[in-house]
Amino acid sequence: MRPLAGDYAYFLYTIGILGTGLLAIPTLAGSAAYAFAETFDWVCGLDEKFQNAISFYAVFIAATIGGGVLNLLRINPIKALYWTAIINGVLAPFLLLALPLVTNDRRVMRDQPSPRLARTLVSATMVIMFAAAIGMFIF
């Protein structure tokens, strides 16, 4: 960037990184808050008053503070992403195990169970993911 921005290229780069980080904070904290709110059927939305969506805003605030704490503890964000990906890879097959059970239940699905092909594909994916997770620990 030095040929483009001169000797202050580092400053321009730093401003860009800070701006990106400031944009990411509400996006990441908001996505966590919305995920919890949808899961637990809470009133949610940044347009809601705090008193109407206390749980939603509590998750939003906790996620923001949690990110700050991780930074203060000097946890390497790349290593954190790496280990998070491993944890997600190990847990995902268990979630896929529940999916065919729920989507095949006529009471839950109100007599509209998922098609056999979809259940077969999800089940095959689950088996492959279990094998990959087990293989990761063995090899």
N, C-alpha and C. Protein backbone atom coordinates (compact mmCIF):
# COMPACT_ATOMS: atom_id res chain seq x y z
N MET A 1 0.81 -1.20 0.00
CA MET A 1 0.00 0.00 0.00
C MET A 1 0.85 1.27 0.00
N ARG A 2 2.14 1.13 0.30
CA ARG A 2 2.98 2.32 0.38
C ARG A 2 3.00 3.11 -0.93
N PRO A 3 3.08 2.45 -2.12
CA PRO A 3 3.07 3.25 -3.34
C PRO A 3 1.76 4.03 -3.53
N LEU A 4 0.68 3.51 -3.01
CA LEU A 4 -0.61 4.16 -3.17
C LEU A 4 -0.85 5.23 -2.11
N ALA A 5 -0.53 4.91 -0.86
CA ALA A 5 -0.86 5.81 0.24
C ALA A 5 0.36 6.51 0.83
N GLY A 6 1.55 6.20 0.36
CA GLY A 6 2.74 6.86 0.87
C GLY A 6 3.20 6.28 2.19
N ASP A 7 3.92 7.10 2.94
CA ASP A 7 4.49 6.64 4.21
C ASP A 7 3.44 6.38 5.29
N TYR A 8 2.24 6.85 5.07
CA TYR A 8 1.18 6.64 6.07
C TYR A 8 0.27 5.46 5.73
N ALA A 9 0.78 4.55 4.93
CA ALA A 9 0.00 3.38 4.54
C ALA A 9 -0.42 2.57 5.77
N TYR A 10 0.48 2.43 6.74
CA TYR A 10 0.15 1.68 7.96
C TYR A 10 -1.03 2.32 8.68
N PHE A 11 -1.08 3.65 8.68
CA PHE A 11 -2.18 4.36 9.34
C PHE A 11 -3.49 4.08 8.61
N LEU A 12 -3.46 4.14 7.29
CA LEU A 12 -4.66 3.84 6.49
C LEU A 12 -5.12 2.41 6.72
N TYR A 13 -4.17 1.48 6.77
CA TYR A 13 -4.50 0.08 7.02
C TYR A 13 -5.10 -0.09 8.41
N THR A 14 -4.52 0.56 9.40
CA THR A 14 -5.03 0.47 10.77
C THR A 14 -6.45 1.01 10.87
N ILE A 15 -6.73 2.12 10.23
CA ILE A 15 -8.09 2.70 10.23
C ILE A 15 -9.07 1.71 9.59
N GLY A 16 -8.65 1.06 8.50
CA GLY A 16 -9.51 0.09 7.84
C GLY A 16 -9.81 -1.12 8.72
N ILE A 17 -8.79 -1.62 9.40
CA ILE A 17 -8.99 -2.78 10.30
C ILE A 17 -9.89 -2.39 11.46
N LEU A 18 -9.67 -1.22 12.06
CA LEU A 18 -10.53 -0.77 13.16
C LEU A 18 -11.97 -0.59 12.70
N GLY A 19 -12.15 -0.01 11.53
CA GLY A 19 -13.50 0.17 11.00
C GLY A 19 -14.20 -1.15 10.76
N THR A 20 -13.46 -2.12 10.20
CA THR A 20 -14.04 -3.44 9.97
C THR A 20 -14.42 -4.09 11.29
N GLY A 21 -13.55 -3.98 12.28
CA GLY A 21 -13.85 -4.55 13.59
C GLY A 21 -15.07 -3.92 14.24
N LEU A 22 -15.18 -2.61 14.11
CA LEU A 22 -16.34 -1.92 14.69
C LEU A 22 -17.63 -2.30 13.98
N LEU A 23 -17.55 -2.61 12.69
CA LEU A 23 -18.72 -3.08 11.97
C LEU A 23 -19.08 -4.51 12.37
N ALA A 24 -18.07 -5.32 12.69
CA ALA A 24 -18.30 -6.73 13.01
C ALA A 24 -18.93 -6.93 14.38
N ILE A 25 -18.64 -6.04 15.32
CA ILE A 25 -19.14 -6.23 16.69
C ILE A 25 -20.67 -6.34 16.73
N PRO A 26 -21.40 -5.36 16.22
CA PRO A 26 -22.86 -5.50 16.30
C PRO A 26 -23.40 -6.63 15.42
N THR A 27 -22.70 -6.94 14.34
CA THR A 27 -23.15 -8.02 13.48
C THR A 27 -23.04 -9.37 14.19
N LEU A 28 -21.89 -9.64 14.79
CA LEU A 28 -21.70 -10.92 15.46
C LEU A 28 -22.55 -11.03 16.73
N ALA A 29 -22.55 -9.97 17.53
CA ALA A 29 -23.36 -10.00 18.75
C ALA A 29 -24.84 -10.09 18.40
N GLY A 30 -25.26 -9.37 17.37
CA GLY A 30 -26.66 -9.41 16.95
C GLY A 30 -27.05 -10.77 16.42
N SER A 31 -26.16 -11.42 15.66
CA SER A 31 -26.51 -12.75 15.14
C SER A 31 -26.67 -13.75 16.26
N ALA A 32 -25.84 -13.65 17.28
CA ALA A 32 -25.99 -14.55 18.44
C ALA A 32 -27.31 -14.26 19.16
N ALA A 33 -27.63 -13.00 19.35
CA ALA A 33 -28.88 -12.63 20.04
C ALA A 33 -30.09 -13.09 19.25
N TYR A 34 -30.07 -12.91 17.93
CA TYR A 34 -31.19 -13.35 17.11
C TYR A 34 -31.32 -14.87 17.12
N ALA A 35 -30.19 -15.59 17.10
CA ALA A 35 -30.24 -17.05 17.12
C ALA A 35 -30.89 -17.54 18.42
N PHE A 36 -30.48 -16.98 19.55
CA PHE A 36 -31.09 -17.37 20.82
C PHE A 36 -32.57 -17.00 20.85
N ALA A 37 -32.89 -15.81 20.39
CA ALA A 37 -34.27 -15.35 20.42
C ALA A 37 -35.18 -16.23 19.56
N GLU A 38 -34.70 -16.61 18.39
CA GLU A 38 -35.50 -17.49 17.53
C GLU A 38 -35.65 -18.87 18.14
N THR A 39 -34.58 -19.35 18.76
CA THR A 39 -34.62 -20.68 19.37
C THR A 39 -35.62 -20.74 20.52
N PHE A 40 -35.61 -19.71 21.36
CA PHE A 40 -36.43 -19.73 22.56
C PHE A 40 -37.71 -18.89 22.42
N ASP A 41 -38.00 -18.45 21.21
CA ASP A 41 -39.23 -17.70 20.91
C ASP A 41 -39.35 -16.45 21.78
N TRP A 42 -38.26 -15.70 21.87
CA TRP A 42 -38.25 -14.45 22.61
C TRP A 42 -38.67 -13.31 21.69
N VAL A 43 -39.14 -12.24 22.29
CA VAL A 43 -39.35 -11.00 21.55
C VAL A 43 -37.95 -10.51 21.17
N CYS A 44 -37.76 -10.15 19.91
CA CYS A 44 -36.42 -9.77 19.50
C CYS A 44 -36.47 -8.65 18.46
N GLY A 45 -35.35 -8.00 18.32
CA GLY A 45 -35.21 -6.97 17.32
C GLY A 45 -34.58 -5.73 17.91
N LEU A 46 -33.67 -5.15 17.14
CA LEU A 46 -33.04 -3.93 17.60
C LEU A 46 -34.01 -2.76 17.59
N ASP A 47 -35.15 -2.94 16.96
CA ASP A 47 -36.18 -1.90 16.98
C ASP A 47 -37.10 -2.02 18.20
N GLU A 48 -36.94 -3.11 18.96
CA GLU A 48 -37.74 -3.30 20.17
C GLU A 48 -37.15 -2.49 21.32
N LYS A 49 -38.01 -2.02 22.20
CA LYS A 49 -37.54 -1.33 23.40
C LYS A 49 -36.90 -2.36 24.32
N PHE A 50 -35.94 -1.90 25.11
CA PHE A 50 -35.20 -2.78 26.00
C PHE A 50 -36.14 -3.57 26.93
N GLN A 51 -37.17 -2.90 27.45
CA GLN A 51 -38.09 -3.53 28.39
C GLN A 51 -38.88 -4.67 27.72
N ASN A 52 -39.10 -4.59 26.43
CA ASN A 52 -39.87 -5.61 25.71
C ASN A 52 -39.03 -6.81 25.29
N ALA A 53 -37.71 -6.63 25.21
CA ALA A 53 -36.84 -7.69 24.71
C ALA A 53 -35.60 -7.82 25.58
N ILE A 54 -35.81 -7.94 26.88
CA ILE A 54 -34.69 -7.98 27.82
C ILE A 54 -33.76 -9.16 27.54
N SER A 55 -34.31 -10.34 27.29
CA SER A 55 -33.47 -11.52 27.03
C SER A 55 -32.63 -11.33 25.77
N PHE A 56 -33.24 -10.80 24.74
CA PHE A 56 -32.54 -10.54 23.48
C PHE A 56 -31.36 -9.60 23.72
N TYR A 57 -31.62 -8.49 24.38
CA TYR A 57 -30.57 -7.52 24.64
C TYR A 57 -29.53 -8.06 25.61
N ALA A 58 -29.93 -8.93 26.54
CA ALA A 58 -28.97 -9.53 27.47
C ALA A 58 -27.96 -10.39 26.71
N VAL A 59 -28.43 -11.17 25.74
CA VAL A 59 -27.51 -11.98 24.93
C VAL A 59 -26.63 -11.06 24.09
N PHE A 60 -27.20 -10.02 23.53
CA PHE A 60 -26.44 -9.05 22.73
C PHE A 60 -25.31 -8.45 23.56
N ILE A 61 -25.64 -8.02 24.77
CA ILE A 61 -24.65 -7.40 25.66
C ILE A 61 -23.61 -8.43 26.10
N ALA A 62 -24.07 -9.65 26.45
CA ALA A 62 -23.14 -10.69 26.89
C ALA A 62 -22.17 -11.07 25.78
N ALA A 63 -22.67 -11.15 24.54
CA ALA A 63 -21.79 -11.49 23.42
C ALA A 63 -20.76 -10.39 23.19
N THR A 64 -21.17 -9.14 23.32
CA THR A 64 -20.25 -8.02 23.14
C THR A 64 -19.18 -8.02 24.23
N ILE A 65 -19.61 -8.19 25.46
CA ILE A 65 -18.66 -8.22 26.58
C ILE A 65 -17.76 -9.45 26.47
N GLY A 66 -18.33 -10.60 26.08
CA GLY A 66 -17.53 -11.81 25.92
C GLY A 66 -16.42 -11.63 24.89
N GLY A 67 -16.73 -10.98 23.79
CA GLY A 67 -15.71 -10.70 22.79
C GLY A 67 -14.61 -9.81 23.33
N GLY A 68 -15.01 -8.81 24.10
CA GLY A 68 -14.01 -7.94 24.72
C GLY A 68 -13.13 -8.67 25.72
N VAL A 69 -13.74 -9.55 26.50
CA VAL A 69 -12.98 -10.32 27.48
C VAL A 69 -11.98 -11.24 26.79
N LEU A 70 -12.41 -11.88 25.69
CA LEU A 70 -11.47 -12.73 24.94
C LEU A 70 -10.27 -11.91 24.47
N ASN A 71 -10.51 -10.70 24.06
CA ASN A 71 -9.42 -9.84 23.63
C ASN A 71 -8.52 -9.47 24.80
N LEU A 72 -9.12 -9.13 25.94
CA LEU A 72 -8.33 -8.76 27.11
C LEU A 72 -7.51 -9.93 27.64
N LEU A 73 -8.01 -11.15 27.47
CA LEU A 73 -7.28 -12.34 27.91
C LEU A 73 -6.19 -12.73 26.92
N ARG A 74 -6.08 -11.97 25.85
CA ARG A 74 -5.07 -12.19 24.81
C ARG A 74 -5.20 -13.58 24.17
N ILE A 75 -6.42 -14.00 23.98
CA ILE A 75 -6.66 -15.26 23.28
C ILE A 75 -6.48 -15.01 21.79
N ASN A 76 -5.65 -15.83 21.17
CA ASN A 76 -5.37 -15.69 19.75
C ASN A 76 -6.65 -15.96 18.96
N PRO A 77 -7.16 -14.98 18.20
CA PRO A 77 -8.42 -15.18 17.50
C PRO A 77 -8.36 -16.26 16.43
N ILE A 78 -7.21 -16.46 15.81
CA ILE A 78 -7.08 -17.51 14.79
C ILE A 78 -7.16 -18.88 15.45
N LYS A 79 -6.50 -19.05 16.58
CA LYS A 79 -6.59 -20.33 17.31
C LYS A 79 -8.00 -20.54 17.83
N ALA A 80 -8.65 -19.48 18.27
CA ALA A 80 -10.03 -19.60 18.75
C ALA A 80 -10.95 -20.05 17.62
N LEU A 81 -10.77 -19.47 16.42
CA LEU A 81 -11.56 -19.89 15.27
C LEU A 81 -11.27 -21.34 14.91
N TYR A 82 -10.02 -21.73 14.98
CA TYR A 82 -9.62 -23.11 14.67
C TYR A 82 -10.33 -24.09 15.61
N TRP A 83 -10.23 -23.84 16.92
CA TRP A 83 -10.84 -24.75 17.89
C TRP A 83 -12.36 -24.70 17.83
N THR A 84 -12.91 -23.55 17.53
CA THR A 84 -14.36 -23.45 17.36
C THR A 84 -14.82 -24.30 16.18
N ALA A 85 -14.06 -24.28 15.10
CA ALA A 85 -14.40 -25.10 13.93
C ALA A 85 -14.33 -26.59 14.27
N ILE A 86 -13.34 -26.98 15.06
CA ILE A 86 -13.23 -28.39 15.47
C ILE A 86 -14.43 -28.77 16.34
N ILE A 87 -14.76 -27.93 17.29
CA ILE A 87 -15.92 -28.22 18.16
C ILE A 87 -17.19 -28.32 17.34
N ASN A 88 -17.38 -27.39 16.40
CA ASN A 88 -18.57 -27.44 15.53
C ASN A 88 -18.59 -28.72 14.70
N GLY A 89 -17.42 -29.13 14.20
CA GLY A 89 -17.35 -30.35 13.40
C GLY A 89 -17.67 -31.60 14.21
N VAL A 90 -17.32 -31.60 15.48
CA VAL A 90 -17.62 -32.76 16.33
C VAL A 90 -19.10 -32.74 16.75
N LEU A 91 -19.66 -31.57 16.98
CA LEU A 91 -21.06 -31.48 17.43
C LEU A 91 -22.08 -31.58 16.30
N ALA A 92 -21.71 -31.18 15.11
CA ALA A 92 -22.66 -31.16 13.99
C ALA A 92 -23.31 -32.51 13.71
N PRO A 93 -22.57 -33.64 13.75
CA PRO A 93 -23.25 -34.91 13.48
C PRO A 93 -24.35 -35.23 14.50
N PHE A 94 -24.17 -34.77 15.73
CA PHE A 94 -25.21 -35.00 16.74
C PHE A 94 -26.48 -34.21 16.40
N LEU A 95 -26.29 -33.01 15.90
CA LEU A 95 -27.45 -32.22 15.46
C LEU A 95 -28.12 -32.88 14.25
N LEU A 96 -27.30 -33.41 13.35
CA LEU A 96 -27.86 -34.11 12.19
C LEU A 96 -28.56 -35.39 12.60
N LEU A 97 -28.16 -35.97 13.71
CA LEU A 97 -28.84 -37.16 14.23
C LEU A 97 -30.27 -36.82 14.64
N ALA A 98 -30.45 -35.67 15.23
CA ALA A 98 -31.78 -35.25 15.67
C ALA A 98 -32.68 -34.83 14.52
N LEU A 99 -32.10 -34.33 13.45
CA LEU A 99 -32.89 -33.80 12.35
C LEU A 99 -33.82 -34.83 11.71
N PRO A 100 -33.35 -36.01 11.30
CA PRO A 100 -34.29 -36.98 10.72
C PRO A 100 -35.33 -37.48 11.72
N LEU A 101 -34.94 -37.54 12.98
CA LEU A 101 -35.90 -37.99 13.99
C LEU A 101 -37.06 -37.01 14.11
N VAL A 102 -36.75 -35.73 14.09
CA VAL A 102 -37.80 -34.71 14.20
C VAL A 102 -38.60 -34.60 12.91
N THR A 103 -37.92 -34.58 11.78
CA THR A 103 -38.63 -34.37 10.51
C THR A 103 -39.43 -35.59 10.08
N ASN A 104 -39.20 -36.74 10.71
CA ASN A 104 -39.97 -37.94 10.38
C ASN A 104 -41.16 -38.11 11.33
N ASP A 105 -41.23 -37.32 12.38
CA ASP A 105 -42.32 -37.40 13.35
C ASP A 105 -43.54 -36.67 12.80
N ARG A 106 -44.58 -37.42 12.48
CA ARG A 106 -45.78 -36.84 11.87
C ARG A 106 -46.49 -35.86 12.81
N ARG A 107 -46.38 -36.09 14.10
CA ARG A 107 -47.02 -35.18 15.05
C ARG A 107 -46.33 -33.82 15.04
N VAL A 108 -45.00 -33.85 15.04
CA VAL A 108 -44.24 -32.60 15.03
C VAL A 108 -44.41 -31.89 13.69
N MET A 109 -44.36 -32.66 12.61
CA MET A 109 -44.41 -32.10 11.26
C MET A 109 -45.84 -31.92 10.75
N ARG A 110 -46.82 -32.23 11.58
CA ARG A 110 -48.23 -32.07 11.23
C ARG A 110 -48.58 -32.79 9.93
N ASP A 111 -48.26 -34.09 9.92
CA ASP A 111 -48.56 -34.97 8.79
C ASP A 111 -47.87 -34.53 7.50
N GLN A 112 -46.75 -33.84 7.61
CA GLN A 112 -45.95 -33.49 6.44
C GLN A 112 -44.49 -33.85 6.67
N PRO A 113 -44.21 -35.14 6.88
CA PRO A 113 -42.81 -35.52 7.14
C PRO A 113 -41.94 -35.23 5.93
N SER A 114 -40.65 -35.10 6.17
CA SER A 114 -39.74 -34.82 5.07
C SER A 114 -39.66 -36.04 4.16
N PRO A 115 -39.38 -35.84 2.89
CA PRO A 115 -39.30 -36.95 1.94
C PRO A 115 -38.18 -37.92 2.30
N ARG A 116 -38.34 -39.14 1.85
CA ARG A 116 -37.37 -40.20 2.15
C ARG A 116 -35.99 -39.82 1.62
N LEU A 117 -35.92 -39.24 0.42
CA LEU A 117 -34.63 -38.86 -0.16
C LEU A 117 -33.92 -37.85 0.74
N ALA A 118 -34.63 -36.88 1.25
CA ALA A 118 -34.02 -35.88 2.13
C ALA A 118 -33.51 -36.53 3.41
N ARG A 119 -34.30 -37.41 3.99
CA ARG A 119 -33.87 -38.10 5.22
C ARG A 119 -32.65 -38.97 4.94
N THR A 120 -32.63 -39.61 3.78
CA THR A 120 -31.50 -40.47 3.41
C THR A 120 -30.22 -39.64 3.24
N LEU A 121 -30.33 -38.51 2.57
CA LEU A 121 -29.17 -37.65 2.36
C LEU A 121 -28.63 -37.09 3.68
N VAL A 122 -29.54 -36.68 4.54
CA VAL A 122 -29.12 -36.17 5.85
C VAL A 122 -28.47 -37.28 6.66
N SER A 123 -29.05 -38.46 6.62
CA SER A 123 -28.48 -39.59 7.36
C SER A 123 -27.10 -39.97 6.82
N ALA A 124 -26.94 -39.98 5.50
CA ALA A 124 -25.64 -40.29 4.90
C ALA A 124 -24.61 -39.23 5.29
N THR A 125 -25.00 -37.97 5.26
CA THR A 125 -24.11 -36.89 5.67
C THR A 125 -23.71 -37.04 7.12
N MET A 126 -24.67 -37.43 7.95
CA MET A 126 -24.40 -37.62 9.37
C MET A 126 -23.36 -38.73 9.58
N VAL A 127 -23.52 -39.84 8.87
CA VAL A 127 -22.59 -40.96 9.01
C VAL A 127 -21.18 -40.53 8.57
N ILE A 128 -21.09 -39.82 7.47
CA ILE A 128 -19.79 -39.34 6.98
C ILE A 128 -19.16 -38.38 7.99
N MET A 129 -19.97 -37.50 8.56
CA MET A 129 -19.43 -36.54 9.53
C MET A 129 -19.01 -37.23 10.82
N PHE A 130 -19.76 -38.24 11.26
CA PHE A 130 -19.32 -39.01 12.43
C PHE A 130 -18.00 -39.70 12.14
N ALA A 131 -17.89 -40.30 10.94
CA ALA A 131 -16.64 -40.99 10.58
C ALA A 131 -15.48 -39.99 10.52
N ALA A 132 -15.71 -38.82 9.98
CA ALA A 132 -14.65 -37.81 9.91
C ALA A 132 -14.23 -37.36 11.30
N ALA A 133 -15.20 -37.16 12.19
CA ALA A 133 -14.89 -36.72 13.55
C ALA A 133 -14.11 -37.80 14.29
N ILE A 134 -14.54 -39.03 14.15
CA ILE A 134 -13.82 -40.14 14.81
C ILE A 134 -12.42 -40.27 14.21
N GLY A 135 -12.34 -40.18 12.88
CA GLY A 135 -11.05 -40.28 12.21
C GLY A 135 -10.08 -39.19 12.63
N MET A 136 -10.60 -38.02 12.92
CA MET A 136 -9.77 -36.91 13.36
C MET A 136 -9.04 -37.25 14.66
N PHE A 137 -9.71 -37.99 15.53
CA PHE A 137 -9.09 -38.33 16.81
C PHE A 137 -8.20 -39.57 16.73
N ILE A 138 -8.47 -40.43 15.75
CA ILE A 138 -7.71 -41.67 15.63
C ILE A 138 -6.41 -41.46 14.85
N PHE A 139 -6.47 -40.72 13.78
CA PHE A 139 -5.30 -40.58 12.89
C PHE A 139 -4.53 -39.36 13.19
